[in-house]
């Protein structure tokens, strides 16, 4: 009786083990799909670095979710250059690689029709080290305004000369995954040929400053610049509180002064006349 129980237990263990093996194979078959294999990064690939056979491996990938531009042949990736950072385990796609024949380095990152130009910065000009690869900046030049008042010392002007310029690298690093600020002495920018000319002239006539801007804000800003005279002009300051309007007081019209009347002579007392006879003469005496 005891032996029969041990036999049943042994058979049950064998059946369980077979079920586990069959289930594992079934799950692997489901995850592998049709047995597609694509190339993924075996190590971290930096921006501008070359892809080598040692940095790539093939993994099984479901056929229904194979990304566009994936590779299933490692030999086709030998010597290609990454134009973005690729983390281990991420598929290596055509859109993340430079064209065939491109050499490694920063030149592989510069798009067709664009140029890379480097400007000298310090901890203030470089936005305290927050102008990192992948960020966008505006460029301000501070120089002397030339015109009718060229001899006027107050004609210093600050003006935005370039907007929405991509930072390709800081110093000699082009890693866009870095988020910590890094104070450097040079910044490499991606510009068009015309912008390169403007930037080269701007740094020769004045001092440059970088202005960090939002990644998704590509709206241009039209400014006329500001001079020292405009900065110190009182009209630019907040207008003073207007004085209260004077209160009008009604004034009664002045009466015309009466014309002076001529003084009247005092009344003379009435005179009394008496007729006096002296001898043969008759005389009137008035008193």
C-alpha atoms as a PDB file:
ATOM      1  CA  UNK A   1       0.000   0.000   0.000  1.00  0.00           C
ATOM      2  CA  UNK A   2       2.825   2.279   0.901  1.00  0.00           C
ATOM      3  CA  UNK A   3       4.696   1.443  -2.284  1.00  0.00           C
ATOM      4  CA  UNK A   4       1.644   2.213  -4.412  1.00  0.00           C
ATOM      5  CA  UNK A   5       1.367   5.663  -2.826  1.00  0.00           C
ATOM      6  CA  UNK A   6       4.986   6.435  -3.576  1.00  0.00           C
ATOM      7  CA  UNK A   7       4.455   5.436  -7.201  1.00  0.00           C
ATOM      8  CA  UNK A   8       1.475   7.759  -7.543  1.00  0.00           C
ATOM      9  CA  UNK A   9       3.485  10.590  -5.963  1.00  0.00           C
ATOM     10  CA  UNK A  10       6.372  10.004  -8.362  1.00  0.00           C
ATOM     11  CA  UNK A  11       4.036   9.982 -11.353  1.00  0.00           C
ATOM     12  CA  UNK A  12       2.402  13.219 -10.184  1.00  0.00           C
ATOM     13  CA  UNK A  13       5.813  14.910  -9.880  1.00  0.00           C
ATOM     14  CA  UNK A  14       6.740  13.823 -13.383  1.00  0.00           C
ATOM     15  CA  UNK A  15       3.421  15.127 -14.732  1.00  0.00           C
ATOM     16  CA  UNK A  16       3.935  18.478 -12.977  1.00  0.00           C
ATOM     17  CA  UNK A  17       7.448  18.819 -14.312  1.00  0.00           C
ATOM     18  CA  UNK A  18       6.259  18.051 -17.845  1.00  0.00           C
ATOM     19  CA  UNK A  19       3.499  20.640 -17.506  1.00  0.00           C
ATOM     20  CA  UNK A  20       6.006  23.264 -16.415  1.00  0.00           C
ATOM     21  CA  UNK A  21       8.313  22.512 -19.338  1.00  0.00           C
ATOM     22  CA  UNK A  22       5.462  22.585 -21.852  1.00  0.00           C
ATOM     23  CA  UNK A  23       4.097  25.834 -20.404  1.00  0.00           C
ATOM     24  CA  UNK A  24       7.523  27.477 -20.553  1.00  0.00           C
ATOM     25  CA  UNK A  25       7.991  26.518 -24.181  1.00  0.00           C
ATOM     26  CA  UNK A  26       4.514  27.762 -25.035  1.00  0.00           C
ATOM     27  CA  UNK A  27       5.164  31.152 -23.373  1.00  0.00           C
ATOM     28  CA  UNK A  28       8.487  31.489 -25.175  1.00  0.00           C
ATOM     29  CA  UNK A  29       6.807  30.692 -28.460  1.00  0.00           C
ATOM     30  CA  UNK A  30       4.109  33.294 -27.791  1.00  0.00           C
ATOM     31  CA  UNK A  31       6.621  35.990 -26.820  1.00  0.00           C
ATOM     32  CA  UNK A  32       8.854  35.190 -29.769  1.00  0.00           C
ATOM     33  CA  UNK A  33       5.958  35.360 -32.204  1.00  0.00           C
ATOM     34  CA  UNK A  34       7.261  34.303 -35.563  1.00  0.00           C
ATOM     35  CA  UNK A  35      10.817  34.129 -34.332  1.00  0.00           C
ATOM     36  CA  UNK A  36      11.752  37.744 -35.345  1.00  0.00           C
ATOM     37  CA  UNK A  37      15.087  38.971 -34.025  1.00  0.00           C
ATOM     38  CA  UNK A  38      16.073  42.646 -34.034  1.00  0.00           C
ATOM     39  CA  UNK A  39      19.223  44.485 -33.021  1.00  0.00           C
ATOM     40  CA  UNK A  40      19.287  46.323 -29.716  1.00  0.00           C
ATOM     41  CA  UNK A  41      22.078  48.195 -27.948  1.00  0.00           C
ATOM     42  CA  UNK A  42      24.188  45.971 -25.720  1.00  0.00           C
ATOM     43  CA  UNK A  43      25.879  48.997 -24.105  1.00  0.00           C
ATOM     44  CA  UNK A  44      25.080  52.689 -23.880  1.00  0.00           C
ATOM     45  CA  UNK A  45      25.721  54.460 -27.178  1.00  0.00           C
ATOM     46  CA  UNK A  46      26.620  58.142 -26.816  1.00  0.00           C
ATOM     47  CA  UNK A  47      25.562  60.789 -29.283  1.00  0.00           C
ATOM     48  CA  UNK A  48      28.080  60.811 -32.150  1.00  0.00           C
ATOM     49  CA  UNK A  49      29.622  57.445 -31.263  1.00  0.00           C
ATOM     50  CA  UNK A  50      30.214  54.602 -33.737  1.00  0.00           C
ATOM     51  CA  UNK A  51      28.269  51.361 -33.576  1.00  0.00           C
ATOM     52  CA  UNK A  52      30.462  48.244 -33.383  1.00  0.00           C
ATOM     53  CA  UNK A  53      29.493  44.546 -33.431  1.00  0.00           C
ATOM     54  CA  UNK A  54      30.362  44.310 -29.730  1.00  0.00           C
ATOM     55  CA  UNK A  55      27.885  47.074 -28.859  1.00  0.00           C
ATOM     56  CA  UNK A  56      24.910  45.317 -30.507  1.00  0.00           C
ATOM     57  CA  UNK A  57      23.039  42.095 -29.811  1.00  0.00           C
ATOM     58  CA  UNK A  58      20.020  40.365 -31.364  1.00  0.00           C
ATOM     59  CA  UNK A  59      16.936  39.653 -29.284  1.00  0.00           C
ATOM     60  CA  UNK A  60      13.617  38.001 -30.003  1.00  0.00           C
ATOM     61  CA  UNK A  61      10.845  40.500 -30.730  1.00  0.00           C
ATOM     62  CA  UNK A  62       7.108  39.944 -31.337  1.00  0.00           C
ATOM     63  CA  UNK A  63       6.353  40.230 -35.034  1.00  0.00           C
ATOM     64  CA  UNK A  64       3.325  42.412 -34.424  1.00  0.00           C
ATOM     65  CA  UNK A  65       5.288  45.150 -32.679  1.00  0.00           C
ATOM     66  CA  UNK A  66       8.553  45.397 -34.603  1.00  0.00           C
ATOM     67  CA  UNK A  67       9.367  49.149 -34.872  1.00  0.00           C
ATOM     68  CA  UNK A  68       9.941  50.740 -38.268  1.00  0.00           C
ATOM     69  CA  UNK A  69      13.590  50.939 -39.234  1.00  0.00           C
ATOM     70  CA  UNK A  70      14.731  48.072 -37.018  1.00  0.00           C
ATOM     71  CA  UNK A  71      17.697  45.895 -38.068  1.00  0.00           C
ATOM     72  CA  UNK A  72      17.916  42.106 -38.008  1.00  0.00           C
ATOM     73  CA  UNK A  73      21.473  41.933 -39.331  1.00  0.00           C
ATOM     74  CA  UNK A  74      24.299  43.157 -37.096  1.00  0.00           C
ATOM     75  CA  UNK A  75      26.709  43.503 -40.024  1.00  0.00           C
ATOM     76  CA  UNK A  76      24.573  46.344 -41.466  1.00  0.00           C
ATOM     77  CA  UNK A  77      25.185  48.409 -38.324  1.00  0.00           C
ATOM     78  CA  UNK A  78      28.972  48.129 -38.306  1.00  0.00           C
ATOM     79  CA  UNK A  79      30.476  51.641 -38.570  1.00  0.00           C
ATOM     80  CA  UNK A  80      27.172  53.544 -38.350  1.00  0.00           C
ATOM     81  CA  UNK A  81      27.054  56.648 -36.120  1.00  0.00           C
ATOM     82  CA  UNK A  82      24.375  57.357 -33.514  1.00  0.00           C
ATOM     83  CA  UNK A  83      22.831  60.831 -33.694  1.00  0.00           C
ATOM     84  CA  UNK A  84      20.975  60.359 -30.390  1.00  0.00           C
ATOM     85  CA  UNK A  85      21.824  58.625 -27.162  1.00  0.00           C
ATOM     86  CA  UNK A  86      20.720  54.949 -27.117  1.00  0.00           C
ATOM     87  CA  UNK A  87      20.370  53.118 -23.820  1.00  0.00           C
ATOM     88  CA  UNK A  88      21.107  49.370 -23.376  1.00  0.00           C
ATOM     89  CA  UNK A  89      18.195  47.221 -24.525  1.00  0.00           C
ATOM     90  CA  UNK A  90      16.719  49.902 -26.818  1.00  0.00           C
ATOM     91  CA  UNK A  91      16.176  48.980 -30.480  1.00  0.00           C
ATOM     92  CA  UNK A  92      18.630  50.557 -32.897  1.00  0.00           C
ATOM     93  CA  UNK A  93      16.554  52.259 -35.593  1.00  0.00           C
ATOM     94  CA  UNK A  94      17.506  53.895 -38.882  1.00  0.00           C
ATOM     95  CA  UNK A  95      16.070  57.227 -37.691  1.00  0.00           C
ATOM     96  CA  UNK A  96      18.559  57.275 -34.809  1.00  0.00           C
ATOM     97  CA  UNK A  97      21.602  56.809 -37.040  1.00  0.00           C
ATOM     98  CA  UNK A  98      23.519  59.145 -39.319  1.00  0.00           C
ATOM     99  CA  UNK A  99      23.602  58.379 -43.069  1.00  0.00           C
ATOM    100  CA  UNK A 100      25.909  55.605 -44.274  1.00  0.00           C
ATOM    101  CA  UNK A 101      29.494  56.785 -44.619  1.00  0.00           C
ATOM    102  CA  UNK A 102      29.248  59.492 -41.960  1.00  0.00           C
ATOM    103  CA  UNK A 103      32.241  59.747 -39.677  1.00  0.00           C
ATOM    104  CA  UNK A 104      31.826  59.852 -35.938  1.00  0.00           C
ATOM    105  CA  UNK A 105      31.944  62.913 -33.764  1.00  0.00           C
ATOM    106  CA  UNK A 106      29.938  66.125 -33.557  1.00  0.00           C
ATOM    107  CA  UNK A 107      29.868  66.564 -37.337  1.00  0.00           C
ATOM    108  CA  UNK A 108      27.524  63.568 -37.574  1.00  0.00           C
ATOM    109  CA  UNK A 109      25.004  65.391 -35.375  1.00  0.00           C
ATOM    110  CA  UNK A 110      24.868  68.568 -37.494  1.00  0.00           C
ATOM    111  CA  UNK A 111      21.901  68.281 -39.906  1.00  0.00           C
ATOM    112  CA  UNK A 112      22.243  68.958 -43.599  1.00  0.00           C
ATOM    113  CA  UNK A 113      22.227  72.701 -44.319  1.00  0.00           C
ATOM    114  CA  UNK A 114      23.244  73.642 -40.766  1.00  0.00           C
ATOM    115  CA  UNK A 115      26.571  74.609 -39.229  1.00  0.00           C
ATOM    116  CA  UNK A 116      28.185  74.351 -35.784  1.00  0.00           C
ATOM    117  CA  UNK A 117      29.865  77.420 -34.306  1.00  0.00           C
ATOM    118  CA  UNK A 118      31.500  77.787 -30.900  1.00  0.00           C
ATOM    119  CA  UNK A 119      31.350  80.913 -28.735  1.00  0.00           C
ATOM    120  CA  UNK A 120      33.304  81.667 -25.591  1.00  0.00           C
ATOM    121  CA  UNK A 121      31.206  82.013 -22.435  1.00  0.00           C
ATOM    122  CA  UNK A 122      31.643  82.347 -18.678  1.00  0.00           C
ATOM    123  CA  UNK A 123      29.471  81.437 -15.712  1.00  0.00           C
ATOM    124  CA  UNK A 124      27.228  84.473 -16.350  1.00  0.00           C
ATOM    125  CA  UNK A 125      27.054  84.369 -20.137  1.00  0.00           C
ATOM    126  CA  UNK A 126      26.475  80.598 -20.056  1.00  0.00           C
ATOM    127  CA  UNK A 127      23.375  80.985 -17.838  1.00  0.00           C
ATOM    128  CA  UNK A 128      25.240  79.621 -14.806  1.00  0.00           C
ATOM    129  CA  UNK A 129      25.906  76.321 -16.578  1.00  0.00           C
ATOM    130  CA  UNK A 130      22.240  75.572 -17.356  1.00  0.00           C
ATOM    131  CA  UNK A 131      22.717  75.923 -21.133  1.00  0.00           C
ATOM    132  CA  UNK A 132      23.102  72.197 -21.775  1.00  0.00           C
ATOM    133  CA  UNK A 133      23.156  70.173 -25.020  1.00  0.00           C
ATOM    134  CA  UNK A 134      19.645  69.961 -26.413  1.00  0.00           C
ATOM    135  CA  UNK A 135      18.536  73.286 -24.894  1.00  0.00           C
ATOM    136  CA  UNK A 136      17.526  76.354 -26.915  1.00  0.00           C
ATOM    137  CA  UNK A 137      18.876  79.845 -26.275  1.00  0.00           C
ATOM    138  CA  UNK A 138      18.569  83.404 -27.553  1.00  0.00           C
ATOM    139  CA  UNK A 139      21.703  85.487 -28.093  1.00  0.00           C
ATOM    140  CA  UNK A 140      21.980  89.130 -26.990  1.00  0.00           C
ATOM    141  CA  UNK A 141      24.783  91.475 -28.051  1.00  0.00           C
ATOM    142  CA  UNK A 142      25.736  94.582 -26.080  1.00  0.00           C
ATOM    143  CA  UNK A 143      27.502  97.139 -28.242  1.00  0.00           C
ATOM    144  CA  UNK A 144      27.613 100.836 -29.163  1.00  0.00           C
ATOM    145  CA  UNK A 145      24.905 102.146 -31.438  1.00  0.00           C
ATOM    146  CA  UNK A 146      26.294 103.829 -34.553  1.00  0.00           C
ATOM    147  CA  UNK A 147      24.301 106.598 -36.208  1.00  0.00           C
ATOM    148  CA  UNK A 148      23.794 110.332 -36.132  1.00  0.00           C
ATOM    149  CA  UNK A 149      24.990 110.460 -32.535  1.00  0.00           C
ATOM    150  CA  UNK A 150      28.013 108.210 -32.854  1.00  0.00           C
ATOM    151  CA  UNK A 151      29.995 110.374 -30.415  1.00  0.00           C
ATOM    152  CA  UNK A 152      27.293 110.197 -27.760  1.00  0.00           C
ATOM    153  CA  UNK A 153      28.530 108.021 -24.903  1.00  0.00           C
ATOM    154  CA  UNK A 154      24.949 107.144 -23.929  1.00  0.00           C
ATOM    155  CA  UNK A 155      24.286 105.245 -27.183  1.00  0.00           C
ATOM    156  CA  UNK A 156      25.088 101.787 -25.789  1.00  0.00           C
ATOM    157  CA  UNK A 157      22.484  99.235 -26.913  1.00  0.00           C
ATOM    158  CA  UNK A 158      21.516  95.659 -26.053  1.00  0.00           C
ATOM    159  CA  UNK A 159      19.678  93.735 -28.760  1.00  0.00           C
ATOM    160  CA  UNK A 160      18.579  90.131 -29.393  1.00  0.00           C
ATOM    161  CA  UNK A 161      20.287  89.121 -32.639  1.00  0.00           C
ATOM    162  CA  UNK A 162      19.489  85.373 -32.781  1.00  0.00           C
ATOM    163  CA  UNK A 163      16.551  83.370 -31.419  1.00  0.00           C
ATOM    164  CA  UNK A 164      15.799  79.699 -30.748  1.00  0.00           C
ATOM    165  CA  UNK A 165      19.354  78.448 -31.295  1.00  0.00           C
ATOM    166  CA  UNK A 166      20.056  74.789 -30.408  1.00  0.00           C
ATOM    167  CA  UNK A 167      22.974  74.034 -28.099  1.00  0.00           C
ATOM    168  CA  UNK A 168      24.892  71.112 -29.605  1.00  0.00           C
ATOM    169  CA  UNK A 169      27.631  70.762 -27.022  1.00  0.00           C
ATOM    170  CA  UNK A 170      29.178  72.422 -23.993  1.00  0.00           C
ATOM    171  CA  UNK A 171      32.958  72.379 -23.857  1.00  0.00           C
ATOM    172  CA  UNK A 172      33.656  69.015 -25.551  1.00  0.00           C
ATOM    173  CA  UNK A 173      30.620  67.107 -24.309  1.00  0.00           C
ATOM    174  CA  UNK A 174      27.464  66.571 -26.375  1.00  0.00           C
ATOM    175  CA  UNK A 175      25.565  64.284 -23.981  1.00  0.00           C
ATOM    176  CA  UNK A 176      21.944  65.440 -23.944  1.00  0.00           C
ATOM    177  CA  UNK A 177      20.965  63.173 -21.062  1.00  0.00           C
ATOM    178  CA  UNK A 178      22.848  65.336 -18.569  1.00  0.00           C
ATOM    179  CA  UNK A 179      20.624  67.574 -16.408  1.00  0.00           C
ATOM    180  CA  UNK A 180      23.084  68.964 -13.886  1.00  0.00           C
ATOM    181  CA  UNK A 181      24.450  72.477 -14.564  1.00  0.00           C
ATOM    182  CA  UNK A 182      28.036  72.604 -15.753  1.00  0.00           C
ATOM    183  CA  UNK A 183      30.060  75.824 -15.903  1.00  0.00           C
ATOM    184  CA  UNK A 184      32.236  75.749 -19.039  1.00  0.00           C
ATOM    185  CA  UNK A 185      34.175  78.241 -21.128  1.00  0.00           C
ATOM    186  CA  UNK A 186      32.732  77.404 -24.565  1.00  0.00           C
ATOM    187  CA  UNK A 187      29.353  76.492 -26.045  1.00  0.00           C
ATOM    188  CA  UNK A 188      28.786  75.031 -29.525  1.00  0.00           C
ATOM    189  CA  UNK A 189      25.592  76.147 -31.268  1.00  0.00           C
ATOM    190  CA  UNK A 190      23.685  74.859 -34.305  1.00  0.00           C
ATOM    191  CA  UNK A 191      23.033  77.674 -36.798  1.00  0.00           C
ATOM    192  CA  UNK A 192      22.382  78.319 -40.461  1.00  0.00           C
ATOM    193  CA  UNK A 193      25.170  79.866 -42.573  1.00  0.00           C
ATOM    194  CA  UNK A 194      23.504  83.291 -42.345  1.00  0.00           C
ATOM    195  CA  UNK A 195      23.149  82.994 -38.582  1.00  0.00           C
ATOM    196  CA  UNK A 196      26.803  82.003 -38.352  1.00  0.00           C
ATOM    197  CA  UNK A 197      27.769  85.260 -40.082  1.00  0.00           C
ATOM    198  CA  UNK A 198      25.554  87.318 -37.761  1.00  0.00           C
ATOM    199  CA  UNK A 199      26.944  85.601 -34.683  1.00  0.00           C
ATOM    200  CA  UNK A 200      30.557  86.037 -35.773  1.00  0.00           C
ATOM    201  CA  UNK A 201      29.995  89.753 -36.375  1.00  0.00           C
ATOM    202  CA  UNK A 202      28.111  90.160 -33.099  1.00  0.00           C
ATOM    203  CA  UNK A 203      30.925  88.717 -30.992  1.00  0.00           C
ATOM    204  CA  UNK A 204      33.450  90.985 -32.741  1.00  0.00           C
ATOM    205  CA  UNK A 205      31.551  94.235 -32.076  1.00  0.00           C
ATOM    206  CA  UNK A 206      30.320  93.641 -28.543  1.00  0.00           C
ATOM    207  CA  UNK A 207      29.745  91.308 -25.628  1.00  0.00           C
ATOM    208  CA  UNK A 208      27.472  88.272 -26.000  1.00  0.00           C
ATOM    209  CA  UNK A 209      24.976  86.848 -23.518  1.00  0.00           C
ATOM    210  CA  UNK A 210      22.941  83.632 -23.752  1.00  0.00           C
ATOM    211  CA  UNK A 211      19.287  83.666 -22.705  1.00  0.00           C
ATOM    212  CA  UNK A 212      17.819  80.255 -21.889  1.00  0.00           C
ATOM    213  CA  UNK A 213      14.327  79.724 -23.309  1.00  0.00           C
ATOM    214  CA  UNK A 214      11.563  77.123 -23.087  1.00  0.00           C
ATOM    215  CA  UNK A 215      12.095  73.958 -25.131  1.00  0.00           C
ATOM    216  CA  UNK A 216       8.715  74.183 -26.886  1.00  0.00           C
ATOM    217  CA  UNK A 217       8.550  77.959 -27.241  1.00  0.00           C
ATOM    218  CA  UNK A 218       9.521  78.674 -30.831  1.00  0.00           C
ATOM    219  CA  UNK A 219       7.556  81.898 -31.234  1.00  0.00           C
ATOM    220  CA  UNK A 220       9.763  84.767 -32.513  1.00  0.00           C
ATOM    221  CA  UNK A 221       9.963  87.984 -30.506  1.00  0.00           C
ATOM    222  CA  UNK A 222      10.298  91.356 -32.196  1.00  0.00           C
ATOM    223  CA  UNK A 223      12.236  93.867 -30.095  1.00  0.00           C
ATOM    224  CA  UNK A 224      13.883  97.156 -30.989  1.00  0.00           C
ATOM    225  CA  UNK A 225      16.603  96.814 -28.363  1.00  0.00           C
ATOM    226  CA  UNK A 226      17.218  99.208 -25.514  1.00  0.00           C
ATOM    227  CA  UNK A 227      19.798 101.973 -25.133  1.00  0.00           C
ATOM    228  CA  UNK A 228      21.247 103.548 -22.028  1.00  0.00           C
ATOM    229  CA  UNK A 229      19.267 106.709 -22.664  1.00  0.00           C
ATOM    230  CA  UNK A 230      16.038 104.711 -22.919  1.00  0.00           C
ATOM    231  CA  UNK A 231      16.898 102.739 -19.795  1.00  0.00           C
ATOM    232  CA  UNK A 232      17.424 105.882 -17.710  1.00  0.00           C
ATOM    233  CA  UNK A 233      14.667 107.945 -19.273  1.00  0.00           C
ATOM    234  CA  UNK A 234      12.047 108.957 -16.739  1.00  0.00           C
ATOM    235  CA  UNK A 235       9.314 108.273 -19.252  1.00  0.00           C
ATOM    236  CA  UNK A 236      10.133 104.602 -19.046  1.00  0.00           C
ATOM    237  CA  UNK A 237       9.543 104.637 -15.298  1.00  0.00           C
ATOM    238  CA  UNK A 238       6.112 104.414 -13.745  1.00  0.00           C
ATOM    239  CA  UNK A 239       4.200 107.661 -14.411  1.00  0.00           C
ATOM    240  CA  UNK A 240       3.794 109.894 -11.312  1.00  0.00           C
ATOM    241  CA  UNK A 241       0.394 110.303  -9.702  1.00  0.00           C
ATOM    242  CA  UNK A 242      -1.359 113.197 -11.459  1.00  0.00           C
ATOM    243  CA  UNK A 243      -1.996 116.265  -9.316  1.00  0.00           C
ATOM    244  CA  UNK A 244      -5.650 116.951  -8.499  1.00  0.00           C
ATOM    245  CA  UNK A 245      -7.362 119.430 -10.770  1.00  0.00           C
ATOM    246  CA  UNK A 246      -7.616 122.917  -9.265  1.00  0.00           C
ATOM    247  CA  UNK A 247     -11.014 123.775  -7.827  1.00  0.00           C
ATOM    248  CA  UNK A 248     -12.586 126.760  -9.513  1.00  0.00           C
ATOM    249  CA  UNK A 249     -14.053 129.264  -7.056  1.00  0.00           C
ATOM    250  CA  UNK A 250     -16.921 131.397  -8.273  1.00  0.00           C
ATOM    251  CA  UNK A 251     -16.056 135.077  -7.927  1.00  0.00           C
ATOM    252  CA  UNK A 252     -18.801 137.632  -7.747  1.00  0.00           C
ATOM    253  CA  UNK A 253     -18.531 140.281 -10.418  1.00  0.00           C
ATOM    254  CA  UNK A 254     -17.052 143.556  -9.158  1.00  0.00           C
ATOM    255  CA  UNK A 255     -19.399 146.466  -9.058  1.00  0.00           C
ATOM    256  CA  UNK A 256     -18.322 149.610 -10.807  1.00  0.00           C
ATOM    257  CA  UNK A 257     -17.242 152.306  -8.401  1.00  0.00           C
ATOM    258  CA  UNK A 258     -19.692 155.241  -8.311  1.00  0.00           C
ATOM    259  CA  UNK A 259     -18.535 158.307 -10.108  1.00  0.00           C
ATOM    260  CA  UNK A 260     -17.539 161.078  -7.721  1.00  0.00           C
ATOM    261  CA  UNK A 261     -20.064 163.887  -7.576  1.00  0.00           C
ATOM    262  CA  UNK A 262     -18.754 167.492  -7.717  1.00  0.00           C
ATOM    263  CA  UNK A 263     -18.778 169.145  -4.322  1.00  0.00           C
ATOM    264  CA  UNK A 264     -21.549 171.750  -3.967  1.00  0.00           C
ATOM    265  CA  UNK A 265     -20.654 175.205  -2.694  1.00  0.00           C
ATOM    266  CA  UNK A 266     -22.124 176.027   0.719  1.00  0.00           C
ATOM    267  CA  UNK A 267     -25.271 178.181   0.534  1.00  0.00           C
ATOM    268  CA  UNK A 268     -24.586 181.925   0.939  1.00  0.00           C
ATOM    269  CA  UNK A 269     -26.720 183.725   3.509  1.00  0.00           C
ATOM    270  CA  UNK A 270     -29.255 186.106   2.061  1.00  0.00           C
ATOM    271  CA  UNK A 271     -27.942 189.671   1.734  1.00  0.00           C
ATOM    272  CA  UNK A 272     -29.969 192.709   3.090  1.00  0.00           C
ATOM    273  CA  UNK A 273     -29.770 195.968   1.150  1.00  0.00           C
ATOM    274  CA  UNK A 274     -30.633 199.350   2.700  1.00  0.00           C
ATOM    275  CA  UNK A 275     -31.002 202.634   0.833  1.00  0.00           C
ATOM    276  CA  UNK A 276     -29.040 205.397   2.587  1.00  0.00           C
ATOM    277  CA  UNK A 277     -29.611 209.112   1.772  1.00  0.00           C
ATOM    278  CA  UNK A 278     -26.692 211.348   2.500  1.00  0.00           C
ATOM    279  CA  UNK A 279     -27.499 214.911   1.721  1.00  0.00           C
ATOM    280  CA  UNK A 280     -28.435 215.035  -1.861  1.00  0.00           C
ATOM    281  CA  UNK A 281     -26.855 211.675  -2.552  1.00  0.00           C
ATOM    282  CA  UNK A 282     -28.706 208.329  -2.403  1.00  0.00           C
ATOM    283  CA  UNK A 283     -26.618 205.152  -1.883  1.00  0.00           C
ATOM    284  CA  UNK A 284     -27.693 201.438  -1.502  1.00  0.00           C
ATOM    285  CA  UNK A 285     -25.753 199.593   1.213  1.00  0.00           C
ATOM    286  CA  UNK A 286     -26.025 195.818   1.263  1.00  0.00           C
ATOM    287  CA  UNK A 287     -25.137 193.688   4.349  1.00  0.00           C
END
